PDB file of all heavy atoms in Angstrom:
ATOM      1  N   ARG A   1     -10.138  -2.097  18.058  1.00  0.00           N
ATOM      2  CA  ARG A   1     -10.245  -3.309  18.798  1.00  0.00           C
ATOM      3  C   ARG A   1      -9.495  -3.309  20.130  1.00  0.00           C
ATOM      4  O   ARG A   1      -9.567  -4.294  20.854  1.00  0.00           O
ATOM      5  CB  ARG A   1      -9.800  -4.485  17.912  1.00  0.00           C
ATOM      6  CG  ARG A   1     -10.694  -4.669  16.641  1.00  0.00           C
ATOM      7  CD  ARG A   1     -10.240  -5.840  15.807  1.00  0.00           C
ATOM      8  NE  ARG A   1     -10.303  -7.080  16.561  1.00  0.00           N
ATOM      9  CZ  ARG A   1      -9.247  -7.836  16.841  1.00  0.00           C
ATOM     10  NH1 ARG A   1      -8.031  -7.420  16.489  1.00  0.00           N
ATOM     11  NH2 ARG A   1      -9.380  -8.954  17.473  1.00  0.00           N
ATOM     12  N   GLN A   2      -8.701  -2.258  20.324  1.00  0.00           N
ATOM     13  CA  GLN A   2      -8.075  -2.015  21.671  1.00  0.00           C
ATOM     14  C   GLN A   2      -8.669  -0.805  22.242  1.00  0.00           C
ATOM     15  O   GLN A   2      -8.142   0.300  22.175  1.00  0.00           O
ATOM     16  CB  GLN A   2      -6.561  -1.954  21.460  1.00  0.00           C
ATOM     17  CG  GLN A   2      -5.893  -3.212  21.006  1.00  0.00           C
ATOM     18  CD  GLN A   2      -4.373  -3.119  20.987  1.00  0.00           C
ATOM     19  OE1 GLN A   2      -3.793  -2.121  21.292  1.00  0.00           O
ATOM     20  NE2 GLN A   2      -3.791  -4.221  20.555  1.00  0.00           N
ATOM     21  N   GLN A   3      -9.835  -0.952  22.831  1.00  0.00           N
ATOM     22  CA  GLN A   3     -10.635   0.138  23.294  1.00  0.00           C
ATOM     23  C   GLN A   3      -9.964   1.080  24.309  1.00  0.00           C
ATOM     24  O   GLN A   3     -10.264   2.264  24.351  1.00  0.00           O
ATOM     25  CB  GLN A   3     -11.972  -0.410  23.881  1.00  0.00           C
ATOM     26  CG  GLN A   3     -12.938  -0.972  22.868  1.00  0.00           C
ATOM     27  CD  GLN A   3     -13.608   0.058  22.092  1.00  0.00           C
ATOM     28  OE1 GLN A   3     -14.334   0.868  22.600  1.00  0.00           O
ATOM     29  NE2 GLN A   3     -13.392   0.091  20.780  1.00  0.00           N
ATOM     30  N   ASP A   4      -9.072   0.559  25.107  1.00  0.00           N
ATOM     31  CA  ASP A   4      -8.506   1.363  26.161  1.00  0.00           C
ATOM     32  C   ASP A   4      -7.089   1.892  25.750  1.00  0.00           C
ATOM     33  O   ASP A   4      -6.369   2.288  26.616  1.00  0.00           O
ATOM     34  CB  ASP A   4      -8.373   0.528  27.450  1.00  0.00           C
ATOM     35  CG  ASP A   4      -9.736   0.049  27.972  1.00  0.00           C
ATOM     36  OD1 ASP A   4     -10.668   0.918  27.932  1.00  0.00           O
ATOM     37  OD2 ASP A   4      -9.886  -1.070  28.281  1.00  0.00           O
ATOM     38  N   THR A   5      -6.792   1.860  24.464  1.00  0.00           N
ATOM     39  CA  THR A   5      -5.512   2.330  23.969  1.00  0.00           C
ATOM     40  C   THR A   5      -5.676   3.564  23.169  1.00  0.00           C
ATOM     41  O   THR A   5      -6.498   3.619  22.215  1.00  0.00           O
ATOM     42  CB  THR A   5      -4.848   1.215  23.130  1.00  0.00           C
ATOM     43  OG1 THR A   5      -4.622   0.061  23.979  1.00  0.00           O
ATOM     44  CG2 THR A   5      -3.488   1.690  22.624  1.00  0.00           C
ATOM     45  N   VAL A   6      -4.959   4.596  23.511  1.00  0.00           N
ATOM     46  CA  VAL A   6      -4.926   5.818  22.690  1.00  0.00           C
ATOM     47  C   VAL A   6      -3.572   5.861  22.027  1.00  0.00           C
ATOM     48  O   VAL A   6      -2.525   6.140  22.669  1.00  0.00           O
ATOM     49  CB  VAL A   6      -5.134   7.071  23.535  1.00  0.00           C
ATOM     50  CG1 VAL A   6      -5.061   8.314  22.661  1.00  0.00           C
ATOM     51  CG2 VAL A   6      -6.471   7.019  24.254  1.00  0.00           C
ATOM     52  N   ALA A   7      -3.498   5.491  20.711  1.00  0.00           N
ATOM     53  CA  ALA A   7      -2.279   5.409  20.006  1.00  0.00           C
ATOM     54  C   ALA A   7      -2.569   5.486  18.500  1.00  0.00           C
ATOM     55  O   ALA A   7      -3.671   5.203  18.081  1.00  0.00           O
ATOM     56  CB  ALA A   7      -1.499   4.142  20.343  1.00  0.00           C
ATOM     57  N   VAL A   8      -1.585   5.826  17.731  1.00  0.00           N
ATOM     58  CA  VAL A   8      -1.735   5.875  16.296  1.00  0.00           C
ATOM     59  C   VAL A   8      -2.120   4.511  15.784  1.00  0.00           C
ATOM     60  O   VAL A   8      -1.487   3.470  16.137  1.00  0.00           O
ATOM     61  CB  VAL A   8      -0.411   6.371  15.630  1.00  0.00           C
ATOM     62  CG1 VAL A   8      -0.537   6.192  14.093  1.00  0.00           C
ATOM     63  CG2 VAL A   8      -0.160   7.818  16.004  1.00  0.00           C
ATOM     64  N   HIS A   9      -3.181   4.462  14.975  1.00  0.00           N
ATOM     65  CA  HIS A   9      -3.550   3.204  14.264  1.00  0.00           C
ATOM     66  C   HIS A   9      -3.071   3.403  12.834  1.00  0.00           C
ATOM     67  O   HIS A   9      -3.790   4.030  12.035  1.00  0.00           O
ATOM     68  CB  HIS A   9      -5.047   3.035  14.369  1.00  0.00           C
ATOM     69  CG  HIS A   9      -5.546   2.562  15.707  1.00  0.00           C
ATOM     70  ND1 HIS A   9      -5.251   3.242  16.859  1.00  0.00           N
ATOM     71  CD2 HIS A   9      -6.315   1.496  16.092  1.00  0.00           C
ATOM     72  CE1 HIS A   9      -5.845   2.643  17.866  1.00  0.00           C
ATOM     73  NE2 HIS A   9      -6.459   1.569  17.451  1.00  0.00           N
ATOM     74  N   PRO A  10      -1.917   2.886  12.432  1.00  0.00           N
ATOM     75  CA  PRO A  10      -1.319   3.219  11.125  1.00  0.00           C
ATOM     76  C   PRO A  10      -2.178   2.772   9.969  1.00  0.00           C
ATOM     77  O   PRO A  10      -2.173   3.461   8.916  1.00  0.00           O
ATOM     78  CB  PRO A  10      -0.016   2.439  11.173  1.00  0.00           C
ATOM     79  CG  PRO A  10       0.301   2.199  12.591  1.00  0.00           C
ATOM     80  CD  PRO A  10      -1.031   2.032  13.274  1.00  0.00           C
ATOM     81  N   GLY A  11      -2.812   1.636  10.068  1.00  0.00           N
ATOM     82  CA  GLY A  11      -3.711   1.189   8.925  1.00  0.00           C
ATOM     83  C   GLY A  11      -2.926   0.797   7.705  1.00  0.00           C
ATOM     84  O   GLY A  11      -3.309   1.025   6.565  1.00  0.00           O
ATOM     85  N   ALA A  12      -1.732   0.177   7.905  1.00  0.00           N
ATOM     86  CA  ALA A  12      -0.900  -0.229   6.751  1.00  0.00           C
ATOM     87  C   ALA A  12      -1.664  -1.184   5.824  1.00  0.00           C
ATOM     88  O   ALA A  12      -1.579  -1.013   4.641  1.00  0.00           O
ATOM     89  CB  ALA A  12       0.402  -0.847   7.227  1.00  0.00           C
ATOM     90  N   ASP A  13      -2.315  -2.139   6.401  1.00  0.00           N
ATOM     91  CA  ASP A  13      -3.156  -3.013   5.584  1.00  0.00           C
ATOM     92  C   ASP A  13      -4.519  -2.434   5.298  1.00  0.00           C
ATOM     93  O   ASP A  13      -5.038  -2.534   4.179  1.00  0.00           O
ATOM     94  CB  ASP A  13      -3.269  -4.413   6.298  1.00  0.00           C
ATOM     95  CG  ASP A  13      -3.992  -5.433   5.395  1.00  0.00           C
ATOM     96  OD1 ASP A  13      -3.857  -5.307   4.122  1.00  0.00           O
ATOM     97  OD2 ASP A  13      -4.643  -6.317   5.947  1.00  0.00           O
ATOM     98  N   ASP A  14      -5.092  -1.784   6.295  1.00  0.00           N
ATOM     99  CA  ASP A  14      -6.458  -1.206   6.190  1.00  0.00           C
ATOM    100  C   ASP A  14      -6.415   0.326   6.249  1.00  0.00           C
ATOM    101  O   ASP A  14      -6.520   0.924   7.289  1.00  0.00           O
ATOM    102  CB  ASP A  14      -7.278  -1.738   7.373  1.00  0.00           C
ATOM    103  CG  ASP A  14      -8.712  -1.290   7.310  1.00  0.00           C
ATOM    104  OD1 ASP A  14      -9.149  -0.872   6.209  1.00  0.00           O
ATOM    105  OD2 ASP A  14      -9.383  -1.369   8.370  1.00  0.00           O
ATOM    106  N   ASN A  15      -6.191   1.010   5.095  1.00  0.00           N
ATOM    107  CA  ASN A  15      -6.233   0.440   3.807  1.00  0.00           C
ATOM    108  C   ASN A  15      -5.143   1.062   2.904  1.00  0.00           C
ATOM    109  O   ASN A  15      -5.326   1.350   1.743  1.00  0.00           O
ATOM    110  CB  ASN A  15      -7.592   0.568   3.142  1.00  0.00           C
ATOM    111  CG  ASN A  15      -7.690  -0.109   1.817  1.00  0.00           C
ATOM    112  OD1 ASN A  15      -7.157  -1.166   1.588  1.00  0.00           O
ATOM    113  ND2 ASN A  15      -8.350   0.530   0.859  1.00  0.00           N
ATOM    114  N   ALA A  16      -3.943   1.329   3.525  1.00  0.00           N
ATOM    115  CA  ALA A  16      -2.852   1.815   2.684  1.00  0.00           C
ATOM    116  C   ALA A  16      -2.477   0.816   1.639  1.00  0.00           C
ATOM    117  O   ALA A  16      -2.045   1.182   0.543  1.00  0.00           O
ATOM    118  CB  ALA A  16      -1.625   2.126   3.564  1.00  0.00           C
ATOM    119  N   SER A  17      -2.627  -0.528   1.937  1.00  0.00           N
ATOM    120  CA  SER A  17      -2.319  -1.517   0.971  1.00  0.00           C
ATOM    121  C   SER A  17      -3.213  -1.371  -0.258  1.00  0.00           C
ATOM    122  O   SER A  17      -2.737  -1.508  -1.425  1.00  0.00           O
ATOM    123  CB  SER A  17      -2.442  -2.888   1.607  1.00  0.00           C
ATOM    124  OG  SER A  17      -3.846  -3.162   1.936  1.00  0.00           O
ATOM    125  N   GLY A  18      -4.485  -1.135  -0.050  1.00  0.00           N
ATOM    126  CA  GLY A  18      -5.412  -0.992  -1.172  1.00  0.00           C
ATOM    127  C   GLY A  18      -5.126   0.232  -1.990  1.00  0.00           C
ATOM    128  O   GLY A  18      -5.132   0.205  -3.257  1.00  0.00           O
ATOM    129  N   VAL A  19      -4.814   1.370  -1.343  1.00  0.00           N
ATOM    130  CA  VAL A  19      -4.538   2.632  -2.088  1.00  0.00           C
ATOM    131  C   VAL A  19      -3.257   2.473  -2.823  1.00  0.00           C
ATOM    132  O   VAL A  19      -3.146   2.922  -3.984  1.00  0.00           O
ATOM    133  CB  VAL A  19      -4.491   3.802  -1.094  1.00  0.00           C
ATOM    134  CG1 VAL A  19      -4.091   5.071  -1.843  1.00  0.00           C
ATOM    135  CG2 VAL A  19      -5.884   4.012  -0.440  1.00  0.00           C
ATOM    136  N   GLY A  20      -2.219   1.883  -2.197  1.00  0.00           N
ATOM    137  CA  GLY A  20      -0.949   1.661  -2.865  1.00  0.00           C
ATOM    138  C   GLY A  20      -1.110   0.840  -4.109  1.00  0.00           C
ATOM    139  O   GLY A  20      -0.559   1.087  -5.168  1.00  0.00           O
ATOM    140  N   MET A  21      -1.897  -0.226  -4.002  1.00  0.00           N
ATOM    141  CA  MET A  21      -2.154  -1.112  -5.148  1.00  0.00           C
ATOM    142  C   MET A  21      -2.875  -0.374  -6.271  1.00  0.00           C
ATOM    143  O   MET A  21      -2.567  -0.583  -7.482  1.00  0.00           O
ATOM    144  CB  MET A  21      -2.851  -2.380  -4.710  1.00  0.00           C
ATOM    145  CG  MET A  21      -2.930  -3.430  -5.834  1.00  0.00           C
ATOM    146  SD  MET A  21      -3.707  -5.026  -5.242  1.00  0.00           S
ATOM    147  CE  MET A  21      -2.459  -5.579  -4.077  1.00  0.00           C
ATOM    148  N   ILE A  22      -3.863   0.416  -5.913  1.00  0.00           N
ATOM    149  CA  ILE A  22      -4.560   1.211  -6.913  1.00  0.00           C
ATOM    150  C   ILE A  22      -3.564   2.054  -7.728  1.00  0.00           C
ATOM    151  O   ILE A  22      -3.671   2.147  -8.987  1.00  0.00           O
ATOM    152  CB  ILE A  22      -5.640   2.046  -6.248  1.00  0.00           C
ATOM    153  CG1 ILE A  22      -6.790   1.184  -5.805  1.00  0.00           C
ATOM    154  CG2 ILE A  22      -6.140   3.137  -7.195  1.00  0.00           C
ATOM    155  CD1 ILE A  22      -7.823   1.863  -4.889  1.00  0.00           C
ATOM    156  N   LEU A  23      -2.677   2.731  -7.047  1.00  0.00           N
ATOM    157  CA  LEU A  23      -1.719   3.617  -7.710  1.00  0.00           C
ATOM    158  C   LEU A  23      -0.884   2.817  -8.694  1.00  0.00           C
ATOM    159  O   LEU A  23      -0.575   3.267  -9.792  1.00  0.00           O
ATOM    160  CB  LEU A  23      -0.893   4.372  -6.706  1.00  0.00           C
ATOM    161  CG  LEU A  23      -1.649   5.363  -5.804  1.00  0.00           C
ATOM    162  CD1 LEU A  23      -0.718   5.924  -4.723  1.00  0.00           C
ATOM    163  CD2 LEU A  23      -2.262   6.475  -6.616  1.00  0.00           C
ATOM    164  N   GLU A  24      -0.392   1.663  -8.262  1.00  0.00           N
ATOM    165  CA  GLU A  24       0.411   0.825  -9.134  1.00  0.00           C
ATOM    166  C   GLU A  24      -0.364   0.340 -10.360  1.00  0.00           C
ATOM    167  O   GLU A  24       0.135   0.308 -11.469  1.00  0.00           O
ATOM    168  CB  GLU A  24       0.940  -0.359  -8.373  1.00  0.00           C
ATOM    169  CG  GLU A  24       1.971  -0.009  -7.304  1.00  0.00           C
ATOM    170  CD  GLU A  24       3.282   0.424  -7.895  1.00  0.00           C
ATOM    171  OE1 GLU A  24       3.667  -0.039  -9.020  1.00  0.00           O
ATOM    172  OE2 GLU A  24       3.948   1.356  -7.300  1.00  0.00           O
ATOM    173  N   LEU A  25      -1.603  -0.030 -10.138  1.00  0.00           N
ATOM    174  CA  LEU A  25      -2.414  -0.534 -11.254  1.00  0.00           C
ATOM    175  C   LEU A  25      -2.710   0.552 -12.266  1.00  0.00           C
ATOM    176  O   LEU A  25      -2.627   0.267 -13.500  1.00  0.00           O
ATOM    177  CB  LEU A  25      -3.736  -1.132 -10.696  1.00  0.00           C
ATOM    178  CG  LEU A  25      -3.619  -2.431  -9.889  1.00  0.00           C
ATOM    179  CD1 LEU A  25      -4.942  -2.728  -9.179  1.00  0.00           C
ATOM    180  CD2 LEU A  25      -3.278  -3.577 -10.842  1.00  0.00           C
ATOM    181  N   VAL A  26      -3.056   1.757 -11.767  1.00  0.00           N
ATOM    182  CA  VAL A  26      -3.335   2.838 -12.724  1.00  0.00           C
ATOM    183  C   VAL A  26      -2.120   3.203 -13.468  1.00  0.00           C
ATOM    184  O   VAL A  26      -2.188   3.473 -14.706  1.00  0.00           O
ATOM    185  CB  VAL A  26      -3.885   4.019 -11.933  1.00  0.00           C
ATOM    186  CG1 VAL A  26      -4.091   5.236 -12.885  1.00  0.00           C
ATOM    187  CG2 VAL A  26      -5.234   3.697 -11.296  1.00  0.00           C
ATOM    188  N   GLN A  27      -0.953   3.219 -12.847  1.00  0.00           N
ATOM    189  CA  GLN A  27       0.296   3.539 -13.577  1.00  0.00           C
ATOM    190  C   GLN A  27       0.494   2.509 -14.696  1.00  0.00           C
ATOM    191  O   GLN A  27       0.892   2.916 -15.826  1.00  0.00           O
ATOM    192  CB  GLN A  27       1.485   3.540 -12.564  1.00  0.00           C
ATOM    193  CG  GLN A  27       2.781   3.934 -13.174  1.00  0.00           C
ATOM    194  CD  GLN A  27       3.940   3.871 -12.239  1.00  0.00           C
ATOM    195  OE1 GLN A  27       4.017   2.908 -11.375  1.00  0.00           O
ATOM    196  NE2 GLN A  27       4.795   4.857 -12.291  1.00  0.00           N
ATOM    197  N   LYS A  28       0.296   1.229 -14.398  1.00  0.00           N
ATOM    198  CA  LYS A  28       0.483   0.207 -15.463  1.00  0.00           C
ATOM    199  C   LYS A  28      -0.541   0.360 -16.535  1.00  0.00           C
ATOM    200  O   LYS A  28      -0.196   0.224 -17.727  1.00  0.00           O
ATOM    201  CB  LYS A  28       0.429  -1.152 -14.799  1.00  0.00           C
ATOM    202  CG  LYS A  28       0.761  -2.278 -15.799  1.00  0.00           C
ATOM    203  CD  LYS A  28       0.825  -3.658 -15.063  1.00  0.00           C
ATOM    204  CE  LYS A  28       1.195  -4.744 -16.116  1.00  0.00           C
ATOM    205  NZ  LYS A  28       1.318  -6.088 -15.449  1.00  0.00           N
ATOM    206  N   LEU A  29      -1.802   0.606 -16.211  1.00  0.00           N
ATOM    207  CA  LEU A  29      -2.809   0.796 -17.231  1.00  0.00           C
ATOM    208  C   LEU A  29      -2.525   1.928 -18.101  1.00  0.00           C
ATOM    209  O   LEU A  29      -2.700   1.900 -19.347  1.00  0.00           O
ATOM    210  CB  LEU A  29      -4.173   0.946 -16.560  1.00  0.00           C
ATOM    211  CG  LEU A  29      -4.782  -0.272 -15.884  1.00  0.00           C
ATOM    212  CD1 LEU A  29      -5.908   0.125 -14.946  1.00  0.00           C
ATOM    213  CD2 LEU A  29      -5.305  -1.243 -16.943  1.00  0.00           C
ATOM    214  N   ALA A  30      -2.033   3.048 -17.519  1.00  0.00           N
ATOM    215  CA  ALA A  30      -1.706   4.242 -18.321  1.00  0.00           C
ATOM    216  C   ALA A  30      -0.520   3.982 -19.266  1.00  0.00           C
ATOM    217  O   ALA A  30      -0.444   4.584 -20.380  1.00  0.00           O
ATOM    218  CB  ALA A  30      -1.418   5.382 -17.378  1.00  0.00           C
ATOM    219  N   ALA A  31       0.386   3.133 -18.863  1.00  0.00           N
ATOM    220  CA  ALA A  31       1.636   2.868 -19.607  1.00  0.00           C
ATOM    221  C   ALA A  31       1.494   1.741 -20.618  1.00  0.00           C
ATOM    222  O   ALA A  31       2.427   1.503 -21.433  1.00  0.00           O
ATOM    223  CB  ALA A  31       2.777   2.638 -18.676  1.00  0.00           C
ATOM    224  N   THR A  32       0.369   1.022 -20.600  1.00  0.00           N
ATOM    225  CA  THR A  32       0.216  -0.158 -21.450  1.00  0.00           C
ATOM    226  C   THR A  32      -0.788   0.128 -22.558  1.00  0.00           C
ATOM    227  O   THR A  32      -1.971   0.261 -22.253  1.00  0.00           O
ATOM    228  CB  THR A  32      -0.213  -1.387 -20.608  1.00  0.00           C
ATOM    229  OG1 THR A  32       0.696  -1.541 -19.528  1.00  0.00           O
ATOM    230  CG2 THR A  32      -0.221  -2.607 -21.460  1.00  0.00           C
ATOM    231  N   PRO A  33      -0.372   0.211 -23.768  1.00  0.00           N
ATOM    232  CA  PRO A  33      -1.329   0.425 -24.888  1.00  0.00           C
ATOM    233  C   PRO A  33      -2.310  -0.705 -25.003  1.00  0.00           C
ATOM    234  O   PRO A  33      -2.022  -1.865 -24.752  1.00  0.00           O
ATOM    235  CB  PRO A  33      -0.397   0.486 -26.121  1.00  0.00           C
ATOM    236  CG  PRO A  33       0.932   0.863 -25.587  1.00  0.00           C
ATOM    237  CD  PRO A  33       1.040   0.201 -24.231  1.00  0.00           C
ATOM    238  N   ASN A  34      -3.522  -0.346 -25.415  1.00  0.00           N
ATOM    239  CA  ASN A  34      -4.598  -1.314 -25.660  1.00  0.00           C
ATOM    240  C   ASN A  34      -5.008  -2.116 -24.399  1.00  0.00           C
ATOM    241  O   ASN A  34      -5.481  -3.198 -24.461  1.00  0.00           O
ATOM    242  CB  ASN A  34      -4.223  -2.306 -26.745  1.00  0.00           C
ATOM    243  CG  ASN A  34      -3.838  -1.613 -28.061  1.00  0.00           C
ATOM    244  OD1 ASN A  34      -4.525  -0.671 -28.469  1.00  0.00           O
ATOM    245  ND2 ASN A  34      -2.724  -1.995 -28.652  1.00  0.00           N
ATOM    246  N   SER A  35      -4.780  -1.517 -23.192  1.00  0.00           N
ATOM    247  CA  SER A  35      -5.116  -2.186 -21.959  1.00  0.00           C
ATOM    248  C   SER A  35      -6.533  -1.936 -21.509  1.00  0.00           C
ATOM    249  O   SER A  35      -7.096  -2.655 -20.701  1.00  0.00           O
ATOM    250  CB  SER A  35      -4.146  -1.798 -20.815  1.00  0.00           C
ATOM    251  OG  SER A  35      -4.237  -0.413 -20.595  1.00  0.00           O
ATOM    252  N   HIS A  36      -7.169  -0.841 -22.029  1.00  0.00           N
ATOM    253  CA  HIS A  36      -8.497  -0.490 -21.486  1.00  0.00           C
ATOM    254  C   HIS A  36      -9.289   0.269 -22.558  1.00  0.00           C
ATOM    255  O   HIS A  36      -9.077   1.492 -22.742  1.00  0.00           O
ATOM    256  CB  HIS A  36      -8.362   0.336 -20.226  1.00  0.00           C
ATOM    257  CG  HIS A  36      -7.553   1.549 -20.333  1.00  0.00           C
ATOM    258  ND1 HIS A  36      -6.159   1.578 -20.551  1.00  0.00           N
ATOM    259  CD2 HIS A  36      -7.907   2.898 -20.369  1.00  0.00           C
ATOM    260  CE1 HIS A  36      -5.738   2.793 -20.638  1.00  0.00           C
ATOM    261  NE2 HIS A  36      -6.784   3.620 -20.553  1.00  0.00           N
TER     262      HIS A  36
END
């Protein structure tokens, strides 16, 4: 959305937030008996 800018687009929300949440959810599912 900044067409004239050449710089790192970190993507902390899009989509490191989603990947990080997935890792936390899977860890909890794996550690919780009878969860799935």
